PDB file of N, CA and C in Angstrom:
ATOM      1  N   MET A   1      23.157  65.153  14.385  1.00  0.00           N
ATOM      2  CA  MET A   1      23.519  65.137  12.988  1.00  0.00           C
ATOM      3  C   MET A   1      25.027  65.342  12.898  1.00  0.00           C
ATOM      4  N   ARG A   2      25.677  64.488  12.152  1.00  0.00           N
ATOM      5  CA  ARG A   2      27.131  64.525  12.013  1.00  0.00           C
ATOM      6  C   ARG A   2      27.495  65.121  10.658  1.00  0.00           C
ATOM      7  N   VAL A   3      28.389  66.084  10.661  1.00  0.00           N
ATOM      8  CA  VAL A   3      28.900  66.628   9.404  1.00  0.00           C
ATOM      9  C   VAL A   3      29.927  65.651   8.864  1.00  0.00           C
ATOM     10  N   VAL A   4      29.651  65.146   7.670  1.00  0.00           N
ATOM     11  CA  VAL A   4      30.573  64.218   7.018  1.00  0.00           C
ATOM     12  C   VAL A   4      31.636  64.998   6.262  1.00  0.00           C
ATOM     13  N   ALA A   5      31.197  66.039   5.544  1.00  0.00           N
ATOM     14  CA  ALA A   5      32.151  66.803   4.749  1.00  0.00           C
ATOM     15  C   ALA A   5      31.575  68.154   4.368  1.00  0.00           C
ATOM     16  N   ASP A   6      32.454  69.145   4.295  1.00  0.00           N
ATOM     17  CA  ASP A   6      32.167  70.424   3.650  1.00  0.00           C
ATOM     18  C   ASP A   6      32.891  70.354   2.316  1.00  0.00           C
ATOM     19  N   ILE A   7      32.119  70.419   1.247  1.00  0.00           N
ATOM     20  CA  ILE A   7      32.691  70.227  -0.079  1.00  0.00           C
ATOM     21  C   ILE A   7      32.911  71.585  -0.737  1.00  0.00           C
ATOM     22  N   PRO A   8      34.150  71.912  -1.071  1.00  0.00           N
ATOM     23  CA  PRO A   8      34.405  73.196  -1.709  1.00  0.00           C
ATOM     24  C   PRO A   8      33.787  73.259  -3.103  1.00  0.00           C
ATOM     25  N   ASN A   9      33.176  74.390  -3.391  1.00  0.00           N
ATOM     26  CA  ASN A   9      32.601  74.624  -4.708  1.00  0.00           C
ATOM     27  C   ASN A   9      32.508  76.136  -4.900  1.00  0.00           C
ATOM     28  N   PRO A  10      32.885  76.639  -6.065  1.00  0.00           N
ATOM     29  CA  PRO A  10      32.876  78.092  -6.268  1.00  0.00           C
ATOM     30  C   PRO A  10      31.462  78.683  -6.403  1.00  0.00           C
ATOM     31  N   HIS A  11      30.448  77.858  -6.644  1.00  0.00           N
ATOM     32  CA  HIS A  11      29.102  78.369  -6.915  1.00  0.00           C
ATOM     33  C   HIS A  11      28.132  78.229  -5.750  1.00  0.00           C
ATOM     34  N   VAL A  12      28.282  77.190  -4.956  1.00  0.00           N
ATOM     35  CA  VAL A  12      27.357  76.927  -3.851  1.00  0.00           C
ATOM     36  C   VAL A  12      28.128  76.369  -2.657  1.00  0.00           C
ATOM     37  N   LYS A  13      27.545  76.555  -1.477  1.00  0.00           N
ATOM     38  CA  LYS A  13      28.098  75.924  -0.284  1.00  0.00           C
ATOM     39  C   LYS A  13      27.470  74.539  -0.183  1.00  0.00           C
ATOM     40  N   ILE A  14      28.302  73.529  -0.033  1.00  0.00           N
ATOM     41  CA  ILE A  14      27.811  72.146   0.006  1.00  0.00           C
ATOM     42  C   ILE A  14      28.266  71.496   1.302  1.00  0.00           C
ATOM     43  N   THR A  15      27.299  70.928   2.023  1.00  0.00           N
ATOM     44  CA  THR A  15      27.608  70.205   3.250  1.00  0.00           C
ATOM     45  C   THR A  15      26.906  68.855   3.200  1.00  0.00           C
ATOM     46  N   LEU A  16      27.642  67.814   3.512  1.00  0.00           N
ATOM     47  CA  LEU A  16      27.077  66.474   3.593  1.00  0.00           C
ATOM     48  C   LEU A  16      27.000  66.081   5.064  1.00  0.00           C
ATOM     49  N   HIS A  17      25.797  65.715   5.497  1.00  0.00           N
ATOM     50  CA  HIS A  17      25.556  65.286   6.876  1.00  0.00           C
ATOM     51  C   HIS A  17      25.139  63.820   6.872  1.00  0.00           C
ATOM     52  N   SER A  18      25.271  63.193   8.010  1.00  0.00           N
ATOM     53  CA  SER A  18      24.750  61.849   8.220  1.00  0.00           C
ATOM     54  C   SER A  18      23.850  61.902   9.445  1.00  0.00           C
ATOM     55  N   TYR A  19      22.635  61.347   9.302  1.00  0.00           N
ATOM     56  CA  TYR A  19      21.692  61.392  10.409  1.00  0.00           C
ATOM     57  C   TYR A  19      20.642  60.306  10.258  1.00  0.00           C
ATOM     58  N   ASN A  20      20.519  59.484  11.263  1.00  0.00           N
ATOM     59  CA  ASN A  20      19.416  58.528  11.370  1.00  0.00           C
ATOM     60  C   ASN A  20      19.260  57.647  10.116  1.00  0.00           C
ATOM     61  N   GLY A  21      20.376  57.107   9.636  1.00  0.00           N
ATOM     62  CA  GLY A  21      20.321  56.208   8.486  1.00  0.00           C
ATOM     63  C   GLY A  21      20.201  56.898   7.146  1.00  0.00           C
ATOM     64  N   LYS A  22      20.399  58.215   7.133  1.00  0.00           N
ATOM     65  CA  LYS A  22      20.303  58.970   5.880  1.00  0.00           C
ATOM     66  C   LYS A  22      21.494  59.896   5.747  1.00  0.00           C
ATOM     67  N   TYR A  23      21.857  60.150   4.503  1.00  0.00           N
ATOM     68  CA  TYR A  23      22.755  61.251   4.197  1.00  0.00           C
ATOM     69  C   TYR A  23      21.871  62.438   3.868  1.00  0.00           C
ATOM     70  N   ILE A  24      22.253  63.588   4.362  1.00  0.00           N
ATOM     71  CA  ILE A  24      21.523  64.813   4.058  1.00  0.00           C
ATOM     72  C   ILE A  24      22.498  65.728   3.336  1.00  0.00           C
ATOM     73  N   LEU A  25      22.185  65.992   2.092  1.00  0.00           N
ATOM     74  CA  LEU A  25      23.014  66.829   1.242  1.00  0.00           C
ATOM     75  C   LEU A  25      22.386  68.217   1.215  1.00  0.00           C
ATOM     76  N   LYS A  26      23.101  69.195   1.766  1.00  0.00           N
ATOM     77  CA  LYS A  26      22.578  70.553   1.872  1.00  0.00           C
ATOM     78  C   LYS A  26      23.402  71.466   0.979  1.00  0.00           C
ATOM     79  N   LEU A  27      22.716  72.143   0.062  1.00  0.00           N
ATOM     80  CA  LEU A  27      23.364  73.066  -0.853  1.00  0.00           C
ATOM     81  C   LEU A  27      22.763  74.441  -0.627  1.00  0.00           C
ATOM     82  N   GLU A  28      23.627  75.452  -0.473  1.00  0.00           N
ATOM     83  CA  GLU A  28      23.165  76.800  -0.151  1.00  0.00           C
ATOM     84  C   GLU A  28      23.776  77.824  -1.101  1.00  0.00           C
ATOM     85  N   LYS A  29      22.945  78.805  -1.443  1.00  0.00           N
ATOM     86  CA  LYS A  29      23.415  79.948  -2.226  1.00  0.00           C
ATOM     87  C   LYS A  29      22.614  81.154  -1.755  1.00  0.00           C
ATOM     88  N   ALA A  30      23.316  82.147  -1.229  1.00  0.00           N
ATOM     89  CA  ALA A  30      22.684  83.344  -0.664  1.00  0.00           C
ATOM     90  C   ALA A  30      21.668  82.918   0.395  1.00  0.00           C
ATOM     91  N   ASN A  31      20.415  83.343   0.258  1.00  0.00           N
ATOM     92  CA  ASN A  31      19.404  83.012   1.262  1.00  0.00           C
ATOM     93  C   ASN A  31      18.524  81.830   0.843  1.00  0.00           C
ATOM     94  N   LEU A  32      18.995  81.035  -0.089  1.00  0.00           N
ATOM     95  CA  LEU A  32      18.246  79.876  -0.580  1.00  0.00           C
ATOM     96  C   LEU A  32      19.008  78.601  -0.248  1.00  0.00           C
ATOM     97  N   GLU A  33      18.259  77.504  -0.097  1.00  0.00           N
ATOM     98  CA  GLU A  33      18.916  76.217   0.113  1.00  0.00           C
ATOM     99  C   GLU A  33      18.105  75.095  -0.518  1.00  0.00           C
ATOM    100  N   GLN A  34      18.822  74.059  -0.886  1.00  0.00           N
ATOM    101  CA  GLN A  34      18.220  72.829  -1.385  1.00  0.00           C
ATOM    102  C   GLN A  34      18.742  71.706  -0.509  1.00  0.00           C
ATOM    103  N   ILE A  35      17.836  70.793  -0.143  1.00  0.00           N
ATOM    104  CA  ILE A  35      18.218  69.663   0.694  1.00  0.00           C
ATOM    105  C   ILE A  35      17.764  68.378   0.023  1.00  0.00           C
ATOM    106  N   TYR A  36      18.672  67.425  -0.044  1.00  0.00           N
ATOM    107  CA  TYR A  36      18.384  66.108  -0.602  1.00  0.00           C
ATOM    108  C   TYR A  36      18.656  65.075   0.478  1.00  0.00           C
ATOM    109  N   LYS A  37      17.695  64.193   0.712  1.00  0.00           N
ATOM    110  CA  LYS A  37      17.863  63.124   1.698  1.00  0.00           C
ATOM    111  C   LYS A  37      18.056  61.813   0.954  1.00  0.00           C
ATOM    112  N   ILE A  38      19.113  61.108   1.302  1.00  0.00           N
ATOM    113  CA  ILE A  38      19.501  59.898   0.596  1.00  0.00           C
ATOM    114  C   ILE A  38      19.636  58.772   1.620  1.00  0.00           C
ATOM    115  N   GLU A  39      18.920  57.701   1.419  1.00  0.00           N
ATOM    116  CA  GLU A  39      19.057  56.544   2.302  1.00  0.00           C
ATOM    117  C   GLU A  39      20.488  56.032   2.223  1.00  0.00           C
ATOM    118  N   GLU A  40      21.075  55.718   3.370  1.00  0.00           N
ATOM    119  CA  GLU A  40      22.451  55.210   3.377  1.00  0.00           C
ATOM    120  C   GLU A  40      22.582  53.932   2.558  1.00  0.00           C
ATOM    121  N   THR A  41      21.510  53.167   2.454  1.00  0.00           N
ATOM    122  CA  THR A  41      21.552  51.922   1.685  1.00  0.00           C
ATOM    123  C   THR A  41      21.563  52.160   0.176  1.00  0.00           C
ATOM    124  N   GLU A  42      21.280  53.389  -0.261  1.00  0.00           N
ATOM    125  CA  GLU A  42      21.252  53.712  -1.692  1.00  0.00           C
ATOM    126  C   GLU A  42      22.625  54.025  -2.262  1.00  0.00           C
ATOM    127  N   VAL A  43      23.593  54.301  -1.385  1.00  0.00           N
ATOM    128  CA  VAL A  43      24.936  54.649  -1.844  1.00  0.00           C
ATOM    129  C   VAL A  43      25.953  53.807  -1.081  1.00  0.00           C
ATOM    130  N   ASN A  44      27.159  53.796  -1.586  1.00  0.00           N
ATOM    131  CA  ASN A  44      28.232  53.009  -0.982  1.00  0.00           C
ATOM    132  C   ASN A  44      29.051  53.887  -0.034  1.00  0.00           C
ATOM    133  N   GLY A  45      28.529  54.137   1.163  1.00  0.00           N
ATOM    134  CA  GLY A  45      29.250  54.903   2.165  1.00  0.00           C
ATOM    135  C   GLY A  45      29.396  56.374   1.825  1.00  0.00           C
ATOM    136  N   ASP A  46      30.243  57.045   2.610  1.00  0.00           N
ATOM    137  CA  ASP A  46      30.467  58.477   2.415  1.00  0.00           C
ATOM    138  C   ASP A  46      30.946  58.778   0.999  1.00  0.00           C
ATOM    139  N   GLU A  47      31.848  57.937   0.495  1.00  0.00           N
ATOM    140  CA  GLU A  47      32.390  58.159  -0.845  1.00  0.00           C
ATOM    141  C   GLU A  47      31.296  58.062  -1.908  1.00  0.00           C
ATOM    142  N   GLY A  48      30.368  57.142  -1.720  1.00  0.00           N
ATOM    143  CA  GLY A  48      29.262  57.001  -2.665  1.00  0.00           C
ATOM    144  C   GLY A  48      28.355  58.216  -2.661  1.00  0.00           C
ATOM    145  N   ALA A  49      28.120  58.764  -1.477  1.00  0.00           N
ATOM    146  CA  ALA A  49      27.298  59.976  -1.382  1.00  0.00           C
ATOM    147  C   ALA A  49      28.006  61.150  -2.042  1.00  0.00           C
ATOM    148  N   LEU A  50      29.296  61.277  -1.809  1.00  0.00           N
ATOM    149  CA  LEU A  50      30.054  62.364  -2.419  1.00  0.00           C
ATOM    150  C   LEU A  50      30.140  62.231  -3.936  1.00  0.00           C
ATOM    151  N   ALA A  51      30.131  60.992  -4.435  1.00  0.00           N
ATOM    152  CA  ALA A  51      30.210  60.763  -5.885  1.00  0.00           C
ATOM    153  C   ALA A  51      28.988  61.303  -6.615  1.00  0.00           C
ATOM    154  N   LEU A  52      27.885  61.498  -5.892  1.00  0.00           N
ATOM    155  CA  LEU A  52      26.681  62.048  -6.517  1.00  0.00           C
ATOM    156  C   LEU A  52      26.872  63.495  -6.963  1.00  0.00           C
ATOM    157  N   LEU A  53      27.877  64.142  -6.433  1.00  0.00           N
ATOM    158  CA  LEU A  53      28.103  65.566  -6.707  1.00  0.00           C
ATOM    159  C   LEU A  53      28.917  65.771  -7.983  1.00  0.00           C
ATOM    160  N   ASP A  54      28.450  65.195  -9.070  1.00  0.00           N
ATOM    161  CA  ASP A  54      29.168  65.374 -10.338  1.00  0.00           C
ATOM    162  C   ASP A  54      28.800  66.722 -10.965  1.00  0.00           C
ATOM    163  N   ASP A  55      29.503  67.075 -12.039  1.00  0.00           N
ATOM    164  CA  ASP A  55      29.313  68.382 -12.684  1.00  0.00           C
ATOM    165  C   ASP A  55      27.882  68.588 -13.164  1.00  0.00           C
ATOM    166  N   GLU A  56      27.269  67.565 -13.712  1.00  0.00           N
ATOM    167  CA  GLU A  56      25.904  67.684 -14.227  1.00  0.00           C
ATOM    168  C   GLU A  56      24.917  67.987 -13.100  1.00  0.00           C
ATOM    169  N   PHE A  57      25.081  67.326 -11.956  1.00  0.00           N
ATOM    170  CA  PHE A  57      24.205  67.579 -10.812  1.00  0.00           C
ATOM    171  C   PHE A  57      24.387  69.004 -10.298  1.00  0.00           C
ATOM    172  N   ILE A  58      25.635  69.436 -10.142  1.00  0.00           N
ATOM    173  CA  ILE A  58      25.908  70.791  -9.646  1.00  0.00           C
ATOM    174  C   ILE A  58      25.335  71.829 -10.598  1.00  0.00           C
ATOM    175  N   GLU A  59      25.461  71.612 -11.893  1.00  0.00           N
ATOM    176  CA  GLU A  59      24.893  72.546 -12.869  1.00  0.00           C
ATOM    177  C   GLU A  59      23.368  72.633 -12.713  1.00  0.00           C
ATOM    178  N   ALA A  60      22.716  71.497 -12.528  1.00  0.00           N
ATOM    179  CA  ALA A  60      21.264  71.484 -12.335  1.00  0.00           C
ATOM    180  C   ALA A  60      20.884  72.218 -11.050  1.00  0.00           C
ATOM    181  N   VAL A  61      21.666  72.025  -9.993  1.00  0.00           N
ATOM    182  CA  VAL A  61      21.411  72.705  -8.718  1.00  0.00           C
ATOM    183  C   VAL A  61      21.534  74.219  -8.887  1.00  0.00           C
ATOM    184  N   VAL A  62      22.579  74.664  -9.542  1.00  0.00           N
ATOM    185  CA  VAL A  62      22.786  76.099  -9.759  1.00  0.00           C
ATOM    186  C   VAL A  62      21.635  76.673 -10.581  1.00  0.00           C
ATOM    187  N   ASN A  63      21.211  75.965 -11.626  1.00  0.00           N
ATOM    188  CA  ASN A  63      20.084  76.428 -12.435  1.00  0.00           C
ATOM    189  C   ASN A  63      18.800  76.505 -11.610  1.00  0.00           C
ATOM    190  N   ARG A  64      18.617  75.543 -10.725  1.00  0.00           N
ATOM    191  CA  ARG A  64      17.436  75.546  -9.858  1.00  0.00           C
ATOM    192  C   ARG A  64      17.476  76.738  -8.901  1.00  0.00           C
ATOM    193  N   PHE A  65      18.654  77.091  -8.409  1.00  0.00           N
ATOM    194  CA  PHE A  65      18.776  78.279  -7.565  1.00  0.00           C
ATOM    195  C   PHE A  65      18.368  79.538  -8.334  1.00  0.00           C
ATOM    196  N   VAL A  66      18.749  79.633  -9.584  1.00  0.00           N
ATOM    197  CA  VAL A  66      18.357  80.777 -10.408  1.00  0.00           C
ATOM    198  C   VAL A  66      16.831  80.824 -10.521  1.00  0.00           C
ATOM    199  N   ASP A  67      16.209  79.679 -10.801  1.00  0.00           N
ATOM    200  CA  ASP A  67      14.751  79.621 -10.890  1.00  0.00           C
ATOM    201  C   ASP A  67      14.097  79.992  -9.558  1.00  0.00           C
ATOM    202  N   MET A  68      14.654  79.507  -8.455  1.00  0.00           N
ATOM    203  CA  MET A  68      14.104  79.818  -7.137  1.00  0.00           C
ATOM    204  C   MET A  68      14.178  81.324  -6.869  1.00  0.00           C
ATOM    205  N   ARG A  69      15.317  81.910  -7.158  1.00  0.00           N
ATOM    206  CA  ARG A  69      15.474  83.354  -6.947  1.00  0.00           C
ATOM    207  C   ARG A  69      14.502  84.146  -7.813  1.00  0.00           C
ATOM    208  N   ASP A  70      14.380  83.756  -9.081  1.00  0.00           N
ATOM    209  CA  ASP A  70      13.465  84.458  -9.990  1.00  0.00           C
ATOM    210  C   ASP A  70      12.023  84.374  -9.505  1.00  0.00           C
ATOM    211  N   ALA A  71      11.609  83.192  -9.041  1.00  0.00           N
ATOM    212  CA  ALA A  71      10.239  83.020  -8.537  1.00  0.00           C
ATOM    213  C   ALA A  71      10.007  83.891  -7.312  1.00  0.00           C
ATOM    214  N   PHE A  72      10.998  83.960  -6.423  1.00  0.00           N
ATOM    215  CA  PHE A  72      10.835  84.759  -5.216  1.00  0.00           C
ATOM    216  C   PHE A  72      10.783  86.253  -5.540  1.00  0.00           C
ATOM    217  N   VAL A  73      11.683  86.711  -6.394  1.00  0.00           N
ATOM    218  CA  VAL A  73      11.688  88.120  -6.781  1.00  0.00           C
ATOM    219  C   VAL A  73      10.355  88.478  -7.439  1.00  0.00           C
ATOM    220  N   SER A  74       9.841  87.614  -8.273  1.00  0.00           N
ATOM    221  CA  SER A  74       8.553  87.866  -8.935  1.00  0.00           C
ATOM    222  C   SER A  74       7.417  87.998  -7.943  1.00  0.00           C
ATOM    223  N   THR A  75       7.357  87.110  -6.960  1.00  0.00           N
ATOM    224  CA  THR A  75       6.260  87.183  -5.988  1.00  0.00           C
ATOM    225  C   THR A  75       6.389  88.422  -5.105  1.00  0.00           C
ATOM    226  N   VAL A  76       7.608  88.816  -4.779  1.00  0.00           N
ATOM    227  CA  VAL A  76       7.791  90.036  -3.992  1.00  0.00           C
ATOM    228  C   VAL A  76       7.303  91.235  -4.780  1.00  0.00           C
ATOM    229  N   ARG A  77       7.636  91.292  -6.043  1.00  0.00           N
ATOM    230  CA  ARG A  77       7.196  92.421  -6.882  1.00  0.00           C
ATOM    231  C   ARG A  77       5.682  92.462  -7.023  1.00  0.00           C
ATOM    232  N   ARG A  78       5.069  91.307  -7.196  1.00  0.00           N
ATOM    233  CA  ARG A  78       3.609  91.261  -7.357  1.00  0.00           C
ATOM    234  C   ARG A  78       2.883  91.621  -6.075  1.00  0.00           C
ATOM    235  N   ASN A  79       3.474  91.333  -4.952  1.00  0.00           N
ATOM    236  CA  ASN A  79       2.757  91.444  -3.685  1.00  0.00           C
ATOM    237  C   ASN A  79       3.289  92.521  -2.752  1.00  0.00           C
ATOM    238  N   SER A  80       4.094  93.414  -3.264  1.00  0.00           N
ATOM    239  CA  SER A  80       4.622  94.490  -2.413  1.00  0.00           C
ATOM    240  C   SER A  80       3.908  95.788  -2.686  1.00  0.00           C
TER     241      SER A  80
END
């Protein structure tokens, strides 16, 4: 797996990889991560994959991290 780019962002760690005909977009916050697999044919090269990281997408990702954390905290409380 080749690292294409580490994308700076104040809210999440973003890494774009290339592997086996796919871009793998990995977003991390604390102990949570989201991974998106994108066929290379769906975007126009590395720049096309990076263009997917617009403000609206990042906002949705951050909101999803909040939901993920809340769900995990809830299950820990219920089952501890």
